[in-house]
Amino acid sequence: MAELSGEGFDAEAFRGGKGQFDVNADGRLVFSKAETHRFPEAGEVLAALRASA
């Protein structure tokens, strides 16, 4: 597990299974590798978190 702080939010990363890479914020899905069929590009998750705030 990893923790991130700053930019006005706190986040935790948890190891998933089967190549899963999902980002949830306040109970909402912000990014999903299963839906996009790719990993996020640099800064994409942070931009999505800012947009969802």
C-alpha atoms as a PDB file:
ATOM      1  CA  MET A   1       0.000   0.000   0.000  1.00  0.00           C
ATOM      2  CA  ALA A   2       1.214   3.500  -0.790  1.00  0.00           C
ATOM      3  CA  GLU A   3      -0.072   6.786   0.552  1.00  0.00           C
ATOM      4  CA  LEU A   4      -0.031  10.117  -1.245  1.00  0.00           C
ATOM      5  CA  SER A   5      -0.776  13.516   0.244  1.00  0.00           C
ATOM      6  CA  GLY A   6      -0.864  17.010  -1.152  1.00  0.00           C
ATOM      7  CA  GLU A   7      -2.640  18.781  -3.976  1.00  0.00           C
ATOM      8  CA  GLY A   8      -5.614  19.105  -1.620  1.00  0.00           C
ATOM      9  CA  PHE A   9      -6.319  15.386  -1.291  1.00  0.00           C
ATOM     10  CA  ASP A  10      -5.115  12.247   0.432  1.00  0.00           C
ATOM     11  CA  ALA A  11      -4.919   8.947  -1.440  1.00  0.00           C
ATOM     12  CA  GLU A  12      -3.980   5.362  -0.763  1.00  0.00           C
ATOM     13  CA  ALA A  13      -2.951   2.703  -3.266  1.00  0.00           C
ATOM     14  CA  PHE A  14      -3.870  -0.927  -2.688  1.00  0.00           C
ATOM     15  CA  ARG A  15      -2.555  -3.938  -4.557  1.00  0.00           C
ATOM     16  CA  GLY A  16      -5.281  -5.423  -6.724  1.00  0.00           C
ATOM     17  CA  GLY A  17      -5.483  -8.688  -8.548  1.00  0.00           C
ATOM     18  CA  LYS A  18      -5.509  -9.793 -12.173  1.00  0.00           C
ATOM     19  CA  GLY A  19      -3.804  -6.631 -13.485  1.00  0.00           C
ATOM     20  CA  GLN A  20      -6.497  -4.414 -12.033  1.00  0.00           C
ATOM     21  CA  PHE A  21      -5.725  -0.690 -11.883  1.00  0.00           C
ATOM     22  CA  ASP A  22      -8.685   1.380 -10.697  1.00  0.00           C
ATOM     23  CA  VAL A  23      -8.668   4.785  -9.049  1.00  0.00           C
ATOM     24  CA  ASN A  24     -11.617   5.707  -6.835  1.00  0.00           C
ATOM     25  CA  ALA A  25     -12.238   9.087  -5.205  1.00  0.00           C
ATOM     26  CA  ASP A  26     -15.053   9.681  -2.750  1.00  0.00           C
ATOM     27  CA  GLY A  27     -16.712   6.447  -3.848  1.00  0.00           C
ATOM     28  CA  ARG A  28     -16.579   7.332  -7.561  1.00  0.00           C
ATOM     29  CA  LEU A  29     -14.484   5.578 -10.185  1.00  0.00           C
ATOM     30  CA  VAL A  30     -11.972   8.109 -11.565  1.00  0.00           C
ATOM     31  CA  PHE A  31      -9.871   5.816 -13.777  1.00  0.00           C
ATOM     32  CA  SER A  32     -10.171   2.168 -14.746  1.00  0.00           C
ATOM     33  CA  LYS A  33      -7.640   0.162 -16.729  1.00  0.00           C
ATOM     34  CA  ALA A  34     -10.373  -2.416 -17.388  1.00  0.00           C
ATOM     35  CA  GLU A  35     -12.525   0.237 -19.084  1.00  0.00           C
ATOM     36  CA  THR A  36      -9.744   2.027 -21.010  1.00  0.00           C
ATOM     37  CA  HIS A  37      -7.601  -1.076 -21.739  1.00  0.00           C
ATOM     38  CA  ARG A  38      -4.459   0.873 -20.845  1.00  0.00           C
ATOM     39  CA  PHE A  39      -2.518   2.349 -17.948  1.00  0.00           C
ATOM     40  CA  PRO A  40      -2.946   6.084 -17.367  1.00  0.00           C
ATOM     41  CA  GLU A  41      -0.546   8.529 -18.954  1.00  0.00           C
ATOM     42  CA  ALA A  42       1.663  10.755 -16.809  1.00  0.00           C
ATOM     43  CA  GLY A  43      -0.490  13.220 -14.888  1.00  0.00           C
ATOM     44  CA  GLU A  44      -3.774  11.704 -16.075  1.00  0.00           C
ATOM     45  CA  VAL A  45      -4.856  10.365 -12.664  1.00  0.00           C
ATOM     46  CA  LEU A  46      -3.939  13.605 -10.906  1.00  0.00           C
ATOM     47  CA  ALA A  47      -5.916  15.593 -13.499  1.00  0.00           C
ATOM     48  CA  ALA A  48      -8.908  13.268 -13.012  1.00  0.00           C
ATOM     49  CA  LEU A  49      -8.695  13.656  -9.241  1.00  0.00           C
ATOM     50  CA  ARG A  50      -8.616  17.453  -9.565  1.00  0.00           C
ATOM     51  CA  ALA A  51     -11.612  17.357 -11.921  1.00  0.00           C
ATOM     52  CA  SER A  52     -13.590  15.174  -9.526  1.00  0.00           C
ATOM     53  CA  ALA A  53     -12.934  17.442  -6.535  1.00  0.00           C
END
